[in-house]
Amino acid sequence: MSQILTLARDNCATEIRQVVQSGICPVDYANPIGQTALHVAALHGNVESITSLLELGLDPNIQNSRGLTALHFAAAANSRAPETCQALVSAGADPYLADTCGSLPYERAETDELRKALGGPDPRLFQFAEDGKDQDLEALLKELRSERAVSFVDPDGRTMLHLASAKGHRKVVELLLANKADPNAPDRRGNTPLHVAVREGNRGTAELLLHGGASPKLPNLRVNAYTGGDWLSRESHQALEPLDQTPLHVAVEEGDTATAALLLEAGAEVNAVDYDGKTPLHLALEEGDTDMAELLLGQLGVDVAVGNGEYHSPLHFLAARGRPALIRRLLDLRAPPDAANPDGWTPLHVAARTHSSESVEALLAAGCRVDLRNSAGNTPLHLAAINGRAEICRLLRESCPDVCHVRNSEDNTPAEVAKDENIMRMLSV
C-alpha cells in the first residue's frame, strides 16, 4: 500500500486516482510515522497530486505522528510553495493548526509574502522590536488587534521578546510582557529570552524577564534535526550539538557574577547539569573564575562531589590544574578527598604528577591516603617519582614513610620507577 506514497512523490496524479478507486490502497494510508500521500505531495510541491487526493476525500488537515499537516510541508516545499499552499488553503487546510511542538505552517515559509499568506506576521513587528522602537511597535500591535501577534516568530524562530532581550531594549520588553508575551518561549535552539539576555550581558533586561515570569531553570536544547522533529527546516542538514544549558550555565560561561547571583536568587538550580554532565560549578572551575566559584560554593546544597564525563570530581579537576586555594575550599565543604575514578585515581594521584606541591599539601592536610593504588598498582608516590617531582616525593614520603615500600602491578617500588637519581636515592633510604 505504500505505493501511493511513491506516486505522490513522483506526482502521478492519474495513477493515484486509479489505486484508490480500485481499492488497492486507501486514500488516507499512512506510513509508521503518519506520513500520508498528501504530506509527501505537499513537500515536493506536487499540486496535481494534491488536487487528486483532496478530490478523493482526503482530509486537508490530516496530521502525522508529530502533528505536522500537509500545509507545514507545503510551506517548505521543494518547489511551487505558494501554489501548493494555496491549493491546500482553498480546500480548507487550517493555517493555525499547530504541530506537537506548537509550530504553525507559516514558520516553515521562506518568504515574507508566503508567511503573511499563511496567517503569519507583519515583518515590521520584528524590525521595531529589534530596533527598540517601542512606540511604533505599540501602535502596530493596536492596529493588528491580534492576540497572536506577540507569539509570532521570525524566520529564525525568534519572538519579538527574543530580539528585544538580545538588544537590551527594556521598554520593548516591558511592552511585550504587558501584552502577555511568553517569557519562556524557546527559539529553534531552545533558548528562551532569558538565555538571550544573559548571553548578551543585559542584566537589567534579565531582571525584567524574571519579574515577568521567566524561569531561570529551563535548559536550552540543540538536537539532531530528525530526532527533534525539525527535519522540514532548511537547517535540517546540520547536526546540532545538544547543550541543555540553563541561564545560569550561560552566566557562568560569560563570567557574569552579578547576573549569576540574580539568577540564583530567583531560584536557579545550582546543580543543574548540561548535556556534557557539567554543573555551573564545573564551568566556573574550568574557566578559573574564582569569584564565580565562590558564589556557587556559597549556595545551599551545592554538590562539590559530582563529576562529569571529563573528570571524576571537581577535586580531580582542580588537582590536575594546580588550584590549591579552591582545593582547600572544596575540602572545607566536605568534598570526599579520596574519591577514586573508575581507574582508581584519587585527587592525590592526579596532583602528584603536577608541579603544584601546594595542592598536594592541601590534600595531605585533609587526610588523603598516600598508600592508595590505582588500577596499575601505582600510589601517588609512584607517579610523583615517575614524573620527577622531587618536592612532592618528599612530602608524600614524610606523610607516610611506608609507602616507599609499596610495589605496583609490575612489582616496582617508587624508587625503582624514578628516573631522577636524586629522587631514587631519597626514596631508597
Protein backbone atom coordinates (compact mmCIF):
# COMPACT_ATOMS: atom_id res chain seq x y z
CA MET A 1 0.00 0.00 0.00
CA SER A 2 3.00 2.31 0.34
CA GLN A 3 2.83 2.59 -3.46
CA ILE A 4 0.61 5.63 -3.06
CA LEU A 5 3.40 7.49 -1.26
CA THR A 6 5.74 6.87 -4.18
CA LEU A 7 3.09 8.03 -6.64
CA ALA A 8 2.60 11.22 -4.61
CA ARG A 9 6.35 11.84 -4.59
CA ASP A 10 6.54 11.40 -8.36
CA ASN A 11 3.38 13.49 -8.96
CA CYS A 12 1.49 10.67 -10.66
CA ALA A 13 -1.96 12.19 -10.14
CA THR A 14 -3.83 9.86 -12.52
CA GLU A 15 -2.27 6.73 -11.03
CA ILE A 16 -3.19 7.93 -7.53
CA ARG A 17 -6.83 8.04 -8.56
CA GLN A 18 -6.58 4.55 -10.04
CA VAL A 19 -5.06 2.83 -6.97
CA VAL A 20 -7.59 4.49 -4.64
CA GLN A 21 -10.69 3.96 -6.77
CA SER A 22 -9.73 0.34 -7.49
CA GLY A 23 -9.40 -0.35 -3.77
CA ILE A 24 -5.70 -1.18 -3.95
CA CYS A 25 -4.87 1.47 -1.34
CA PRO A 26 -6.98 3.69 0.92
CA VAL A 27 -6.53 7.39 0.25
CA ASP A 28 -5.55 8.01 3.87
CA TYR A 29 -2.83 5.32 4.01
CA ALA A 30 -0.01 6.43 6.32
CA ASN A 31 3.46 5.03 6.97
CA PRO A 32 4.70 4.26 10.52
CA ILE A 33 5.38 7.93 11.28
CA GLY A 34 2.00 9.04 9.99
CA GLN A 35 3.03 10.40 6.61
CA THR A 36 0.22 10.29 4.07
CA ALA A 37 0.40 10.84 0.32
CA LEU A 38 -0.82 14.39 0.96
CA HIS A 39 2.20 15.13 3.16
CA VAL A 40 4.56 13.72 0.54
CA ALA A 41 2.95 15.55 -2.37
CA ALA A 42 2.98 18.81 -0.40
CA LEU A 43 6.67 18.51 0.44
CA HIS A 44 7.52 18.15 -3.25
CA GLY A 45 5.13 20.85 -4.43
CA ASN A 46 3.10 18.39 -6.47
CA VAL A 47 -0.10 20.39 -6.83
CA GLU A 48 -1.69 17.95 -9.29
CA SER A 49 -1.36 15.04 -6.87
CA ILE A 50 -2.67 17.21 -4.04
CA THR A 51 -5.73 18.05 -6.10
CA SER A 52 -6.40 14.37 -6.81
CA LEU A 53 -6.01 13.38 -3.16
CA LEU A 54 -8.33 16.12 -1.95
CA GLU A 55 -10.95 15.27 -4.56
CA LEU A 56 -10.75 11.65 -3.41
CA GLY A 57 -11.78 12.83 0.05
CA LEU A 58 -8.51 13.04 1.98
CA ASP A 59 -8.73 15.43 4.93
CA PRO A 60 -6.57 18.52 4.17
CA ASN A 61 -5.81 18.81 7.90
CA ILE A 62 -4.65 15.24 8.47
CA GLN A 63 -1.61 15.20 10.80
CA ASN A 64 1.35 12.86 11.07
CA SER A 65 2.73 11.50 14.33
CA ARG A 66 4.39 14.84 15.08
CA GLY A 67 1.25 16.80 14.36
CA LEU A 68 2.52 18.15 11.06
CA THR A 69 -0.10 18.85 8.41
CA ALA A 70 0.39 18.98 4.66
CA LEU A 71 0.38 22.76 4.98
CA HIS A 72 3.51 22.58 7.17
CA PHE A 73 5.15 20.60 4.37
CA ALA A 74 3.84 22.86 1.62
CA ALA A 75 5.28 25.97 3.29
CA ALA A 76 8.73 24.38 2.98
CA ALA A 77 8.05 22.73 -0.39
CA ASN A 78 10.98 21.99 -2.66
CA SER A 79 9.18 23.90 -5.43
CA ARG A 80 5.94 25.77 -6.12
CA ALA A 81 5.44 26.52 -2.42
CA PRO A 82 2.95 29.43 -2.87
CA GLU A 83 0.84 27.46 -5.34
CA THR A 84 0.94 24.36 -3.14
CA CYS A 85 -0.14 26.30 -0.07
CA GLN A 86 -2.94 27.99 -2.00
CA ALA A 87 -4.31 24.64 -3.17
CA LEU A 88 -4.45 23.36 0.40
CA VAL A 89 -5.88 26.52 1.97
CA SER A 90 -8.57 26.69 -0.72
CA ALA A 91 -9.55 23.14 0.21
CA GLY A 92 -9.88 24.01 3.89
CA ALA A 93 -6.39 23.50 5.30
CA ASP A 94 -6.14 25.34 8.63
CA PRO A 95 -3.08 27.63 8.79
CA TYR A 96 -3.47 27.88 12.57
CA LEU A 97 -3.26 24.14 13.26
CA ALA A 98 -0.02 23.65 15.21
CA ASP A 99 2.20 20.59 15.35
CA THR A 100 3.12 18.87 18.61
CA CYS A 101 5.87 21.44 19.20
CA GLY A 102 3.42 24.31 18.79
CA SER A 103 4.79 25.37 15.40
CA LEU A 104 2.47 26.80 12.76
CA PRO A 105 2.84 26.31 8.99
CA TYR A 106 3.92 29.91 8.33
CA GLU A 107 7.08 29.30 10.38
CA ARG A 108 8.33 26.99 7.62
CA ALA A 109 7.88 29.54 4.84
CA GLU A 110 10.94 31.18 3.32
CA THR A 111 9.49 34.50 2.13
CA ASP A 112 7.64 37.22 4.00
CA GLU A 113 4.89 37.10 1.37
CA LEU A 114 4.19 33.41 1.93
CA ARG A 115 4.45 33.80 5.69
CA LYS A 116 1.78 36.51 5.61
CA ALA A 117 -0.39 34.47 3.23
CA LEU A 118 -0.36 31.66 5.80
CA GLY A 119 -1.52 33.97 8.58
CA GLY A 120 1.98 34.89 9.66
CA PRO A 121 3.32 38.18 10.98
CA ASP A 122 3.89 41.61 9.57
CA PRO A 123 7.72 41.77 9.34
CA ARG A 124 7.65 45.27 10.84
CA LEU A 125 6.90 43.68 14.21
CA PHE A 126 10.36 42.18 14.39
CA GLN A 127 12.09 45.24 13.00
CA PHE A 128 10.51 47.53 15.58
CA ALA A 129 11.33 45.11 18.41
CA GLU A 130 14.96 44.73 17.34
CA ASP A 131 15.41 48.47 16.83
CA GLY A 132 13.87 49.35 20.19
CA LYS A 133 11.01 51.36 18.65
CA ASP A 134 8.52 50.76 21.44
CA GLN A 135 6.05 53.45 20.35
CA ASP A 136 5.93 52.22 16.75
CA LEU A 137 5.56 48.66 17.97
CA GLU A 138 2.75 49.59 20.34
CA ALA A 139 0.90 51.36 17.53
CA LEU A 140 1.32 48.38 15.19
CA LEU A 141 0.08 45.93 17.83
CA LYS A 142 -3.03 48.06 18.30
CA GLU A 143 -3.51 48.23 14.54
CA LEU A 144 -3.25 44.46 14.14
CA ARG A 145 -5.60 43.74 17.06
CA SER A 146 -4.45 40.13 17.20
CA GLU A 147 -3.66 38.15 20.32
CA ARG A 148 -1.37 36.01 18.19
CA ALA A 149 0.92 38.91 17.35
CA VAL A 150 3.17 38.68 20.42
CA SER A 151 3.77 34.97 19.83
CA PHE A 152 4.76 35.27 16.16
CA VAL A 153 8.28 34.13 15.30
CA ASP A 154 10.69 35.40 12.67
CA PRO A 155 12.33 33.11 10.07
CA ASP A 156 14.92 32.10 12.68
CA GLY A 157 12.28 31.07 15.19
CA ARG A 158 12.76 34.10 17.44
CA THR A 159 9.91 36.01 19.01
CA MET A 160 9.90 39.78 19.39
CA LEU A 161 10.82 39.20 23.02
CA HIS A 162 13.96 37.33 21.96
CA LEU A 163 15.00 40.19 19.69
CA ALA A 164 14.35 42.92 22.26
CA SER A 165 16.07 40.93 25.02
CA ALA A 166 19.16 40.43 22.88
CA LYS A 167 19.46 44.17 22.32
CA GLY A 168 18.54 45.17 25.86
CA HIS A 169 15.52 47.25 24.80
CA ARG A 170 13.81 47.38 28.17
CA LYS A 171 10.81 49.45 27.10
CA VAL A 172 10.03 46.99 24.33
CA VAL A 173 10.40 44.10 26.76
CA GLU A 174 8.01 45.80 29.19
CA LEU A 175 5.52 46.43 26.38
CA LEU A 176 5.61 42.83 25.18
CA LEU A 177 5.27 41.39 28.67
CA ALA A 178 2.32 43.72 29.29
CA ASN A 179 0.76 42.25 26.13
CA LYS A 180 1.20 38.73 27.54
CA ALA A 181 4.22 37.66 25.50
CA ASP A 182 5.52 34.31 26.76
CA PRO A 183 8.86 34.91 28.55
CA ASN A 184 9.65 31.19 28.35
CA ALA A 185 9.06 30.68 24.63
CA PRO A 186 12.05 28.86 23.10
CA ASP A 187 13.61 29.69 19.76
CA ARG A 188 14.75 26.95 17.40
CA ARG A 189 17.78 26.27 19.55
CA GLY A 190 15.74 26.12 22.71
CA ASN A 191 16.95 29.46 24.01
CA THR A 192 14.41 31.48 25.93
CA PRO A 193 14.54 35.29 26.01
CA LEU A 194 16.28 34.92 29.39
CA HIS A 195 19.06 32.82 27.85
CA VAL A 196 19.50 35.51 25.20
CA ALA A 197 19.53 38.42 27.65
CA VAL A 198 22.10 36.68 29.86
CA ARG A 199 24.30 35.74 26.90
CA GLU A 200 24.33 39.35 25.71
CA GLY A 201 25.07 40.74 29.17
CA ASN A 202 21.75 42.56 29.54
CA ARG A 203 21.25 42.14 33.27
CA GLY A 204 18.50 44.75 33.55
CA THR A 205 16.54 43.00 30.85
CA ALA A 206 17.09 39.65 32.55
CA GLU A 207 15.66 41.11 35.74
CA LEU A 208 12.59 42.35 33.86
CA LEU A 209 12.07 38.92 32.35
CA LEU A 210 12.37 37.21 35.73
CA HIS A 211 9.79 39.58 37.20
CA GLY A 212 7.61 38.83 34.17
CA GLY A 213 7.59 35.10 34.79
CA ALA A 214 10.74 33.86 33.05
CA SER A 215 12.04 30.62 34.55
CA PRO A 216 15.75 30.51 35.46
CA LYS A 217 15.57 26.70 35.42
CA LEU A 218 14.73 25.98 31.78
CA PRO A 219 17.51 24.41 29.72
CA ASN A 220 18.02 25.12 26.09
CA LEU A 221 18.44 22.21 23.73
CA ARG A 222 20.08 21.67 20.39
CA VAL A 223 19.09 18.32 18.99
CA ASN A 224 19.69 16.33 15.87
CA ALA A 225 17.21 17.71 13.37
CA TYR A 226 15.39 14.43 12.78
CA THR A 227 15.06 13.42 16.43
CA GLY A 228 13.85 16.92 17.18
CA GLY A 229 11.12 16.66 14.58
CA ASP A 230 12.53 19.63 12.69
CA TRP A 231 13.59 17.84 9.52
CA LEU A 232 11.50 20.18 7.39
CA SER A 233 13.72 23.08 8.38
CA ARG A 234 16.11 24.49 5.83
CA GLU A 235 18.78 23.91 8.51
CA SER A 236 17.86 20.24 8.86
CA HIS A 237 21.04 19.04 7.20
CA GLN A 238 23.06 20.38 10.09
CA ALA A 239 23.75 18.18 13.10
CA LEU A 240 23.22 20.45 16.07
CA GLU A 241 25.12 19.83 19.25
CA PRO A 242 22.95 19.36 22.33
CA LEU A 243 23.62 21.85 25.13
CA ASP A 244 20.92 21.62 27.79
CA GLN A 245 22.25 24.77 29.41
CA THR A 246 20.23 26.80 31.86
CA PRO A 247 20.60 30.59 32.00
CA LEU A 248 22.90 30.03 35.00
CA HIS A 249 25.27 27.95 32.86
CA VAL A 250 25.28 30.80 30.35
CA ALA A 251 26.01 33.42 33.03
CA VAL A 252 28.93 31.34 34.30
CA GLU A 253 30.33 30.92 30.79
CA GLU A 254 30.11 34.68 30.30
CA GLY A 255 31.81 35.32 33.64
CA ASP A 256 28.90 37.50 34.78
CA THR A 257 28.90 37.01 38.54
CA ALA A 258 26.24 39.65 39.20
CA THR A 259 23.79 38.06 36.78
CA ALA A 260 24.57 34.61 38.16
CA ALA A 261 23.71 35.92 41.63
CA LEU A 262 20.47 37.37 40.26
CA LEU A 263 19.52 34.01 38.75
CA LEU A 264 20.36 32.10 41.92
CA GLU A 265 18.25 34.49 43.96
CA ALA A 266 15.40 33.85 41.50
CA GLY A 267 15.60 30.10 42.05
CA ALA A 268 18.13 28.83 39.51
CA GLU A 269 19.28 25.28 40.24
CA VAL A 270 22.92 25.37 41.29
CA ASN A 271 23.42 21.67 40.48
CA ALA A 272 21.71 21.63 37.06
CA VAL A 273 23.71 19.61 34.53
CA ASP A 274 24.11 20.32 30.84
CA TYR A 275 24.44 17.77 28.05
CA ASP A 276 28.08 17.13 28.97
CA GLY A 277 27.12 16.49 32.58
CA LYS A 278 28.61 19.79 33.71
CA THR A 279 27.16 21.87 36.50
CA PRO A 280 27.70 25.63 36.70
CA LEU A 281 30.44 24.88 39.26
CA HIS A 282 32.28 22.70 36.74
CA LEU A 283 32.20 25.54 34.22
CA ALA A 284 33.44 28.08 36.75
CA LEU A 285 36.34 25.83 37.74
CA GLU A 286 37.24 25.22 34.10
CA GLU A 287 37.32 28.96 33.47
CA GLY A 288 39.44 29.52 36.57
CA ASP A 289 36.84 32.04 37.72
CA THR A 290 37.45 32.15 41.47
CA ASP A 291 34.77 34.76 42.18
CA MET A 292 32.14 32.75 40.33
CA ALA A 293 33.24 29.54 42.02
CA GLU A 294 32.98 31.19 45.43
CA LEU A 295 29.47 32.42 44.62
CA LEU A 296 28.37 28.91 43.64
CA LEU A 297 30.13 27.24 46.55
CA GLY A 298 28.26 29.54 48.90
CA GLN A 299 24.87 28.22 47.74
CA LEU A 300 22.92 25.87 49.97
CA GLY A 301 23.02 22.33 48.64
CA VAL A 302 25.79 22.80 46.10
CA ASP A 303 27.24 19.41 45.15
CA VAL A 304 31.03 19.51 45.50
CA ALA A 305 31.50 15.82 44.71
CA VAL A 306 29.70 15.26 41.41
CA GLY A 307 31.85 14.79 38.33
CA ASN A 308 31.16 14.60 34.62
CA GLY A 309 32.39 12.77 31.55
CA GLU A 310 35.75 14.55 31.58
CA TYR A 311 36.76 14.16 35.21
CA HIS A 312 35.50 12.23 38.19
CA SER A 313 35.00 15.10 40.61
CA PRO A 314 35.76 18.81 40.96
CA LEU A 315 38.69 17.87 43.19
CA HIS A 316 40.19 15.77 40.41
CA PHE A 317 39.92 18.72 38.05
CA LEU A 318 41.46 21.19 40.49
CA ALA A 319 44.23 18.75 41.34
CA ALA A 320 45.11 18.45 37.65
CA ARG A 321 45.12 22.23 37.21
CA GLY A 322 47.01 23.01 40.41
CA ARG A 323 44.44 25.22 42.16
CA PRO A 324 45.29 24.83 45.88
CA ALA A 325 43.03 27.63 47.17
CA LEU A 326 39.94 26.13 45.59
CA ILE A 327 41.03 22.63 46.63
CA ARG A 328 41.05 23.79 50.24
CA ARG A 329 37.66 25.45 49.77
CA LEU A 330 36.09 22.25 48.43
CA LEU A 331 37.67 20.19 51.18
CA ASP A 332 36.24 22.60 53.76
CA LEU A 333 32.84 21.87 52.20
CA ARG A 334 33.45 18.14 52.73
CA ALA A 335 34.30 17.12 49.22
CA PRO A 336 35.44 13.46 49.53
CA PRO A 337 39.25 13.66 49.44
CA ASP A 338 39.87 10.03 48.47
CA ALA A 339 37.13 9.60 45.87
CA ALA A 340 38.60 7.47 43.10
CA ASN A 341 37.66 7.38 39.44
CA PRO A 342 36.97 4.01 37.73
CA ASP A 343 40.72 3.57 37.20
CA GLY A 344 41.45 4.10 40.86
CA TRP A 345 42.89 7.60 40.58
CA THR A 346 42.26 9.80 43.61
CA PRO A 347 42.81 13.57 43.56
CA LEU A 348 46.17 12.92 45.23
CA HIS A 349 47.22 10.64 42.37
CA VAL A 350 46.37 13.44 39.96
CA ALA A 351 48.10 16.17 41.96
CA ALA A 352 51.24 14.05 42.41
CA ARG A 353 52.00 14.34 38.69
CA THR A 354 51.82 18.14 38.64
CA HIS A 355 54.25 20.83 39.74
CA SER A 356 51.86 22.04 42.46
CA SER A 357 53.30 20.90 45.76
CA GLU A 358 50.83 23.28 47.44
CA SER A 359 47.93 21.25 46.03
CA VAL A 360 49.49 18.08 47.43
CA GLU A 361 49.94 19.77 50.81
CA ALA A 362 46.26 20.79 50.82
CA LEU A 363 45.16 17.22 50.09
CA LEU A 364 47.50 15.74 52.68
CA ALA A 365 46.25 18.20 55.28
CA ALA A 366 42.73 16.90 54.63
CA GLY A 367 43.84 13.35 55.39
CA CYS A 368 44.18 11.95 51.87
CA ARG A 369 45.64 8.46 51.94
CA VAL A 370 49.08 8.19 50.39
CA ASP A 371 49.06 4.41 50.07
CA LEU A 372 46.02 4.00 47.79
CA ARG A 373 46.83 2.34 44.48
CA ASN A 374 45.24 2.89 41.09
CA SER A 375 44.40 0.17 38.57
CA ALA A 376 48.08 -0.08 37.60
CA GLY A 377 49.03 -0.52 41.22
CA ASN A 378 50.68 2.88 41.42
CA THR A 379 50.49 5.02 44.54
CA PRO A 380 50.72 8.81 44.30
CA LEU A 381 54.40 8.41 45.20
CA HIS A 382 55.00 6.18 42.18
CA LEU A 383 53.50 8.88 39.95
CA ALA A 384 55.49 11.69 41.54
CA ALA A 385 58.68 9.65 41.15
CA ILE A 386 57.98 8.76 37.51
CA ASN A 387 57.35 12.43 36.69
CA GLY A 388 60.40 13.74 38.55
CA ARG A 389 58.51 15.75 41.18
CA ALA A 390 61.16 15.83 43.91
CA GLU A 391 59.37 18.17 46.33
CA ILE A 392 56.14 16.21 46.05
CA CYS A 393 58.05 12.95 46.61
CA ARG A 394 59.46 14.45 49.81
CA LEU A 395 56.00 15.49 51.03
CA LEU A 396 54.49 12.08 50.33
CA ARG A 397 57.37 10.18 51.91
CA GLU A 398 57.22 12.32 55.06
CA SER A 399 53.47 11.83 55.27
CA CYS A 400 53.72 8.04 55.01
CA PRO A 401 57.24 6.56 55.02
CA ASP A 402 55.94 3.02 54.48
CA VAL A 403 54.60 3.93 51.04
CA CYS A 404 58.19 3.79 49.77
CA HIS A 405 57.98 0.00 50.00
CA VAL A 406 54.69 -0.45 48.12
CA ARG A 407 55.09 -2.25 44.81
CA ASN A 408 52.92 -1.61 41.77
CA SER A 409 51.47 -4.17 39.35
CA GLU A 410 54.88 -4.53 37.69
CA ASP A 411 56.47 -5.24 41.08
CA ASN A 412 58.30 -1.91 41.23
CA THR A 413 58.67 0.40 44.22
CA PRO A 414 58.55 4.18 43.79
CA ALA A 415 62.36 4.31 43.88
CA GLU A 416 62.57 1.74 41.12
CA VAL A 417 60.38 3.73 38.74
CA ALA A 418 62.16 7.04 39.42
CA LYS A 419 64.15 8.46 36.52
CA ASP A 420 65.93 11.09 38.60
CA GLU A 421 68.89 9.81 40.62
CA ASN A 422 68.26 12.22 43.49
CA ILE A 423 64.67 11.04 43.80
CA MET A 424 65.82 7.44 43.58
CA ARG A 425 68.23 7.97 46.48
CA MET A 426 65.61 9.87 48.51
CA LEU A 427 63.10 7.05 48.22
CA SER A 428 65.63 4.26 48.74
CA VAL A 429 66.50 5.38 52.25
